[in-house]
Amino acid sequence: MNFGGISGEATAGMPGEVAEQLGVRTDYDRPFETAAHSHPTVTYPCYPKEIRLGDAVANDVYCEMDPNMPVNVPWPYGPGFDAIGHFSHCFFKPYNITVDFTNMNLYIARGKAA
């Protein structure tokens, strides 16, 4: 689980194939030149109706779609499983996160940090 993700205003990111399959509205008129894993790429703003991680939800938020991001990158060059997207720092800001490494659980609760 990556709690940082990309910096900036994007709440999440996803491969172009995933955005297309899910019917996520994408703004192809506003390309954004950036880099991912030290490689140049062009992403596009996209606006999913809802993104969710358990009870943590964000509706109609600004995200990024990378048409060149592969869904599956085999080991040892990637995780070896289908990655359909990532949540960025902006998504986690209104929540407190607890990671239980003993039982391998992730707890997310809305509220200010203690």
N, C-alpha and C. Protein backbone atom coordinates (compact mmCIF):
# COMPACT_ATOMS: atom_id res chain seq x y z
N MET A 1 0.85 -1.17 0.00
CA MET A 1 0.00 0.00 0.00
C MET A 1 0.89 1.23 0.00
N ASN A 2 0.71 2.09 -0.96
CA ASN A 2 1.47 3.32 -1.07
C ASN A 2 0.60 4.46 -0.58
N PHE A 3 0.98 5.12 0.51
CA PHE A 3 0.18 6.21 1.05
C PHE A 3 0.54 7.56 0.46
N GLY A 4 1.63 7.62 -0.26
CA GLY A 4 2.03 8.90 -0.84
C GLY A 4 1.51 9.08 -2.23
N GLY A 5 1.87 8.17 -3.11
CA GLY A 5 1.45 8.31 -4.49
C GLY A 5 2.03 9.57 -5.10
N ILE A 6 1.34 10.09 -6.07
CA ILE A 6 1.81 11.29 -6.75
C ILE A 6 1.47 12.51 -5.91
N SER A 7 2.32 13.52 -5.98
CA SER A 7 2.02 14.76 -5.27
C SER A 7 1.16 15.63 -6.19
N GLY A 8 0.49 16.57 -5.61
CA GLY A 8 -0.36 17.45 -6.38
C GLY A 8 -1.82 17.23 -6.07
N GLU A 9 -2.65 17.61 -7.00
CA GLU A 9 -4.09 17.59 -6.74
C GLU A 9 -4.81 16.33 -7.19
N ALA A 10 -4.16 15.45 -7.92
CA ALA A 10 -4.83 14.23 -8.38
C ALA A 10 -5.08 13.30 -7.19
N THR A 11 -6.29 12.78 -7.10
CA THR A 11 -6.68 11.93 -5.98
C THR A 11 -6.32 10.47 -6.22
N ALA A 12 -6.25 10.07 -7.47
CA ALA A 12 -5.90 8.69 -7.82
C ALA A 12 -5.38 8.67 -9.25
N GLY A 13 -4.84 7.53 -9.64
CA GLY A 13 -4.37 7.35 -11.00
C GLY A 13 -4.73 5.96 -11.49
N MET A 14 -4.86 5.83 -12.80
CA MET A 14 -5.24 4.53 -13.36
C MET A 14 -4.70 4.39 -14.78
N PRO A 15 -4.49 3.15 -15.21
CA PRO A 15 -4.10 2.92 -16.60
C PRO A 15 -5.25 3.28 -17.54
N GLY A 16 -4.90 3.63 -18.77
CA GLY A 16 -5.91 3.97 -19.76
C GLY A 16 -6.89 2.84 -20.02
N GLU A 17 -6.39 1.61 -20.03
CA GLU A 17 -7.24 0.43 -20.27
C GLU A 17 -8.33 0.32 -19.20
N VAL A 18 -7.98 0.60 -17.95
CA VAL A 18 -8.94 0.53 -16.84
C VAL A 18 -9.98 1.64 -16.98
N ALA A 19 -9.52 2.86 -17.26
CA ALA A 19 -10.46 3.98 -17.43
C ALA A 19 -11.46 3.69 -18.55
N GLU A 20 -10.97 3.11 -19.63
CA GLU A 20 -11.85 2.79 -20.76
C GLU A 20 -12.86 1.70 -20.38
N GLN A 21 -12.40 0.64 -19.73
CA GLN A 21 -13.29 -0.46 -19.34
C GLN A 21 -14.36 0.00 -18.35
N LEU A 22 -14.00 0.93 -17.46
CA LEU A 22 -14.95 1.40 -16.45
C LEU A 22 -15.80 2.58 -16.92
N GLY A 23 -15.50 3.08 -18.11
CA GLY A 23 -16.27 4.21 -18.63
C GLY A 23 -16.01 5.51 -17.90
N VAL A 24 -14.78 5.70 -17.41
CA VAL A 24 -14.43 6.91 -16.68
C VAL A 24 -14.26 8.06 -17.68
N ARG A 25 -14.93 9.17 -17.38
CA ARG A 25 -14.84 10.36 -18.25
C ARG A 25 -13.41 10.88 -18.23
N THR A 26 -12.81 11.00 -19.41
CA THR A 26 -11.42 11.43 -19.55
C THR A 26 -11.36 12.65 -20.46
N ASP A 27 -10.56 13.64 -20.07
CA ASP A 27 -10.41 14.89 -20.83
C ASP A 27 -9.15 14.81 -21.69
N TYR A 28 -9.31 14.35 -22.92
CA TYR A 28 -8.17 14.20 -23.83
C TYR A 28 -7.69 15.55 -24.39
N ASP A 29 -8.40 16.62 -24.12
CA ASP A 29 -8.00 17.94 -24.60
C ASP A 29 -7.00 18.62 -23.68
N ARG A 30 -6.69 18.00 -22.54
CA ARG A 30 -5.75 18.60 -21.58
C ARG A 30 -4.64 17.63 -21.21
N PRO A 31 -3.76 17.27 -22.15
CA PRO A 31 -2.67 16.35 -21.82
C PRO A 31 -1.71 16.99 -20.81
N PHE A 32 -1.13 16.15 -19.98
CA PHE A 32 -0.19 16.59 -18.95
C PHE A 32 1.09 15.80 -19.10
N GLU A 33 2.17 16.49 -19.49
CA GLU A 33 3.47 15.83 -19.66
C GLU A 33 4.12 15.67 -18.30
N THR A 34 4.49 14.45 -17.96
CA THR A 34 5.05 14.15 -16.65
C THR A 34 6.04 13.00 -16.77
N ALA A 35 6.38 12.39 -15.66
CA ALA A 35 7.27 11.22 -15.66
C ALA A 35 6.72 10.21 -14.67
N ALA A 36 6.91 8.95 -14.98
CA ALA A 36 6.52 7.87 -14.09
C ALA A 36 7.66 6.86 -14.05
N HIS A 37 8.16 6.59 -12.87
CA HIS A 37 9.28 5.66 -12.70
C HIS A 37 10.45 6.05 -13.60
N SER A 38 10.74 7.36 -13.64
CA SER A 38 11.87 7.95 -14.39
C SER A 38 11.71 7.86 -15.90
N HIS A 39 10.48 7.63 -16.37
CA HIS A 39 10.22 7.60 -17.80
C HIS A 39 9.20 8.67 -18.16
N PRO A 40 9.46 9.44 -19.23
CA PRO A 40 8.48 10.46 -19.61
C PRO A 40 7.17 9.81 -20.07
N THR A 41 6.07 10.46 -19.75
CA THR A 41 4.76 9.97 -20.18
C THR A 41 3.79 11.14 -20.28
N VAL A 42 2.69 10.92 -20.91
CA VAL A 42 1.62 11.91 -21.01
C VAL A 42 0.39 11.32 -20.36
N THR A 43 -0.16 12.03 -19.38
CA THR A 43 -1.38 11.59 -18.71
C THR A 43 -2.51 12.56 -19.05
N TYR A 44 -3.73 12.16 -18.72
CA TYR A 44 -4.90 12.97 -18.99
C TYR A 44 -5.77 13.03 -17.74
N PRO A 45 -6.39 14.18 -17.47
CA PRO A 45 -7.32 14.26 -16.35
C PRO A 45 -8.50 13.33 -16.59
N CYS A 46 -8.95 12.69 -15.53
CA CYS A 46 -10.14 11.87 -15.62
C CYS A 46 -10.95 12.03 -14.35
N TYR A 47 -12.22 11.70 -14.43
CA TYR A 47 -13.13 12.00 -13.34
C TYR A 47 -14.06 10.82 -13.06
N PRO A 48 -13.60 9.85 -12.28
CA PRO A 48 -14.49 8.73 -11.93
C PRO A 48 -15.62 9.23 -11.02
N LYS A 49 -16.76 8.61 -11.13
CA LYS A 49 -17.90 8.99 -10.29
C LYS A 49 -17.62 8.70 -8.82
N GLU A 50 -16.87 7.61 -8.56
CA GLU A 50 -16.55 7.26 -7.18
C GLU A 50 -15.27 6.43 -7.15
N ILE A 51 -14.42 6.73 -6.18
CA ILE A 51 -13.30 5.84 -5.88
C ILE A 51 -13.45 5.47 -4.41
N ARG A 52 -13.09 4.24 -4.09
CA ARG A 52 -13.38 3.72 -2.75
C ARG A 52 -12.29 2.76 -2.31
N LEU A 53 -11.95 2.86 -1.04
CA LEU A 53 -11.07 1.91 -0.39
C LEU A 53 -11.74 1.58 0.93
N GLY A 54 -12.52 0.51 0.95
CA GLY A 54 -13.33 0.18 2.12
C GLY A 54 -14.41 1.24 2.32
N ASP A 55 -14.48 1.82 3.50
CA ASP A 55 -15.46 2.86 3.78
C ASP A 55 -14.97 4.25 3.39
N ALA A 56 -13.72 4.37 2.99
CA ALA A 56 -13.18 5.66 2.55
C ALA A 56 -13.60 5.88 1.10
N VAL A 57 -14.31 6.99 0.87
CA VAL A 57 -14.90 7.25 -0.45
C VAL A 57 -14.62 8.68 -0.88
N ALA A 58 -14.39 8.86 -2.17
CA ALA A 58 -14.31 10.19 -2.77
C ALA A 58 -15.16 10.15 -4.04
N ASN A 59 -16.00 11.15 -4.20
CA ASN A 59 -16.91 11.21 -5.35
C ASN A 59 -16.54 12.36 -6.28
N ASP A 60 -16.61 12.09 -7.59
CA ASP A 60 -16.40 13.12 -8.62
C ASP A 60 -15.13 13.93 -8.38
N VAL A 61 -14.01 13.24 -8.21
CA VAL A 61 -12.75 13.90 -7.94
C VAL A 61 -11.83 13.84 -9.16
N TYR A 62 -10.87 14.75 -9.18
CA TYR A 62 -9.88 14.83 -10.24
C TYR A 62 -8.86 13.72 -10.06
N CYS A 63 -8.65 12.94 -11.12
CA CYS A 63 -7.66 11.86 -11.12
C CYS A 63 -6.84 11.95 -12.40
N GLU A 64 -5.89 11.06 -12.56
CA GLU A 64 -5.08 11.00 -13.77
C GLU A 64 -5.18 9.63 -14.42
N MET A 65 -5.16 9.64 -15.74
CA MET A 65 -5.19 8.41 -16.52
C MET A 65 -3.96 8.40 -17.42
N ASP A 66 -3.23 7.31 -17.39
CA ASP A 66 -2.04 7.16 -18.23
C ASP A 66 -2.31 6.07 -19.26
N PRO A 67 -2.47 6.45 -20.53
CA PRO A 67 -2.78 5.44 -21.55
C PRO A 67 -1.65 4.45 -21.79
N ASN A 68 -0.44 4.77 -21.34
CA ASN A 68 0.70 3.89 -21.54
C ASN A 68 1.04 3.03 -20.33
N MET A 69 0.30 3.20 -19.23
CA MET A 69 0.57 2.42 -18.03
C MET A 69 0.04 1.00 -18.21
N PRO A 70 0.91 0.00 -18.12
CA PRO A 70 0.43 -1.37 -18.26
C PRO A 70 -0.36 -1.82 -17.03
N VAL A 71 -1.33 -2.68 -17.24
CA VAL A 71 -2.13 -3.20 -16.13
C VAL A 71 -1.34 -4.26 -15.37
N ASN A 72 -0.56 -5.07 -16.06
CA ASN A 72 0.21 -6.12 -15.41
C ASN A 72 1.65 -6.02 -15.89
N VAL A 73 2.57 -5.90 -14.93
CA VAL A 73 4.00 -5.91 -15.25
C VAL A 73 4.59 -7.12 -14.54
N PRO A 74 5.06 -8.12 -15.31
CA PRO A 74 5.55 -9.37 -14.69
C PRO A 74 6.77 -9.15 -13.80
N TRP A 75 6.84 -9.99 -12.78
CA TRP A 75 8.00 -10.01 -11.90
C TRP A 75 9.22 -10.40 -12.69
N PRO A 76 10.40 -9.88 -12.57
CA PRO A 76 10.89 -9.01 -11.52
C PRO A 76 10.83 -7.53 -11.88
N TYR A 77 10.23 -7.16 -12.99
CA TYR A 77 10.19 -5.75 -13.42
C TYR A 77 8.99 -5.01 -12.84
N GLY A 78 8.07 -5.72 -12.25
CA GLY A 78 6.89 -5.14 -11.63
C GLY A 78 6.36 -6.10 -10.59
N PRO A 79 5.17 -5.84 -10.07
CA PRO A 79 4.64 -6.67 -9.00
C PRO A 79 4.17 -8.05 -9.45
N GLY A 80 3.89 -8.21 -10.76
CA GLY A 80 3.45 -9.50 -11.25
C GLY A 80 1.97 -9.75 -11.08
N PHE A 81 1.21 -8.70 -10.75
CA PHE A 81 -0.24 -8.84 -10.63
C PHE A 81 -0.91 -7.64 -11.30
N ASP A 82 -2.20 -7.75 -11.54
CA ASP A 82 -2.94 -6.67 -12.18
C ASP A 82 -3.11 -5.49 -11.23
N ALA A 83 -2.55 -4.35 -11.59
CA ALA A 83 -2.71 -3.13 -10.80
C ALA A 83 -3.67 -2.22 -11.57
N ILE A 84 -4.87 -2.07 -11.03
CA ILE A 84 -5.88 -1.30 -11.76
C ILE A 84 -5.87 0.18 -11.40
N GLY A 85 -4.96 0.58 -10.53
CA GLY A 85 -4.85 1.99 -10.19
C GLY A 85 -4.15 2.18 -8.86
N HIS A 86 -4.04 3.44 -8.47
CA HIS A 86 -3.42 3.76 -7.18
C HIS A 86 -4.14 4.97 -6.58
N PHE A 87 -4.12 5.03 -5.26
CA PHE A 87 -4.67 6.17 -4.54
C PHE A 87 -3.51 7.09 -4.16
N SER A 88 -3.69 8.37 -4.38
CA SER A 88 -2.63 9.33 -4.09
C SER A 88 -2.83 9.98 -2.73
N HIS A 89 -1.87 10.80 -2.36
CA HIS A 89 -1.88 11.46 -1.06
C HIS A 89 -3.19 12.22 -0.81
N CYS A 90 -3.71 12.89 -1.82
CA CYS A 90 -4.96 13.67 -1.66
C CYS A 90 -6.12 12.81 -1.19
N PHE A 91 -6.18 11.56 -1.60
CA PHE A 91 -7.26 10.68 -1.19
C PHE A 91 -7.22 10.43 0.31
N PHE A 92 -6.03 10.25 0.86
CA PHE A 92 -5.87 9.87 2.26
C PHE A 92 -5.92 11.05 3.23
N LYS A 93 -5.83 12.29 2.75
CA LYS A 93 -5.74 13.45 3.63
C LYS A 93 -6.83 13.55 4.70
N PRO A 94 -8.10 13.29 4.40
CA PRO A 94 -9.11 13.45 5.45
C PRO A 94 -9.23 12.23 6.39
N TYR A 95 -8.32 11.28 6.28
CA TYR A 95 -8.44 10.05 7.06
C TYR A 95 -7.24 9.81 7.96
N ASN A 96 -7.46 9.03 9.00
CA ASN A 96 -6.39 8.48 9.83
C ASN A 96 -6.18 7.05 9.35
N ILE A 97 -4.95 6.65 9.21
CA ILE A 97 -4.63 5.32 8.70
C ILE A 97 -3.83 4.57 9.75
N THR A 98 -4.22 3.34 10.02
CA THR A 98 -3.47 2.46 10.91
C THR A 98 -3.16 1.19 10.13
N VAL A 99 -1.90 0.80 10.15
CA VAL A 99 -1.47 -0.43 9.47
C VAL A 99 -1.12 -1.45 10.54
N ASP A 100 -1.81 -2.56 10.53
CA ASP A 100 -1.59 -3.65 11.47
C ASP A 100 -0.78 -4.72 10.75
N PHE A 101 0.52 -4.73 10.98
CA PHE A 101 1.40 -5.66 10.29
C PHE A 101 1.31 -7.07 10.86
N THR A 102 0.82 -7.21 12.08
CA THR A 102 0.67 -8.54 12.68
C THR A 102 -0.44 -9.33 12.00
N ASN A 103 -1.60 -8.71 11.87
CA ASN A 103 -2.75 -9.38 11.24
C ASN A 103 -2.96 -8.97 9.79
N MET A 104 -2.06 -8.13 9.28
CA MET A 104 -2.10 -7.67 7.88
C MET A 104 -3.44 -7.01 7.55
N ASN A 105 -3.82 -6.02 8.38
CA ASN A 105 -5.03 -5.25 8.16
C ASN A 105 -4.70 -3.78 8.00
N LEU A 106 -5.54 -3.08 7.25
CA LEU A 106 -5.42 -1.65 7.05
C LEU A 106 -6.72 -1.03 7.57
N TYR A 107 -6.60 -0.08 8.48
CA TYR A 107 -7.76 0.59 9.04
C TYR A 107 -7.76 2.05 8.61
N ILE A 108 -8.88 2.52 8.11
CA ILE A 108 -9.03 3.91 7.66
C ILE A 108 -10.25 4.50 8.35
N ALA A 109 -10.06 5.64 9.03
CA ALA A 109 -11.16 6.30 9.71
C ALA A 109 -11.09 7.80 9.43
N ARG A 110 -12.22 8.40 9.17
CA ARG A 110 -12.27 9.84 8.92
C ARG A 110 -12.00 10.59 10.22
N GLY A 111 -11.23 11.67 10.12
CA GLY A 111 -10.99 12.50 11.29
C GLY A 111 -9.59 13.06 11.32
N LYS A 112 -9.40 14.01 12.24
CA LYS A 112 -8.09 14.65 12.40
C LYS A 112 -7.09 13.69 13.02
N ALA A 113 -5.84 13.90 12.70
CA ALA A 113 -4.78 13.08 13.29
C ALA A 113 -4.71 13.36 14.78
N ALA A 114 -4.43 12.33 15.54
CA ALA A 114 -4.36 12.47 17.01
C ALA A 114 -3.02 12.99 17.44
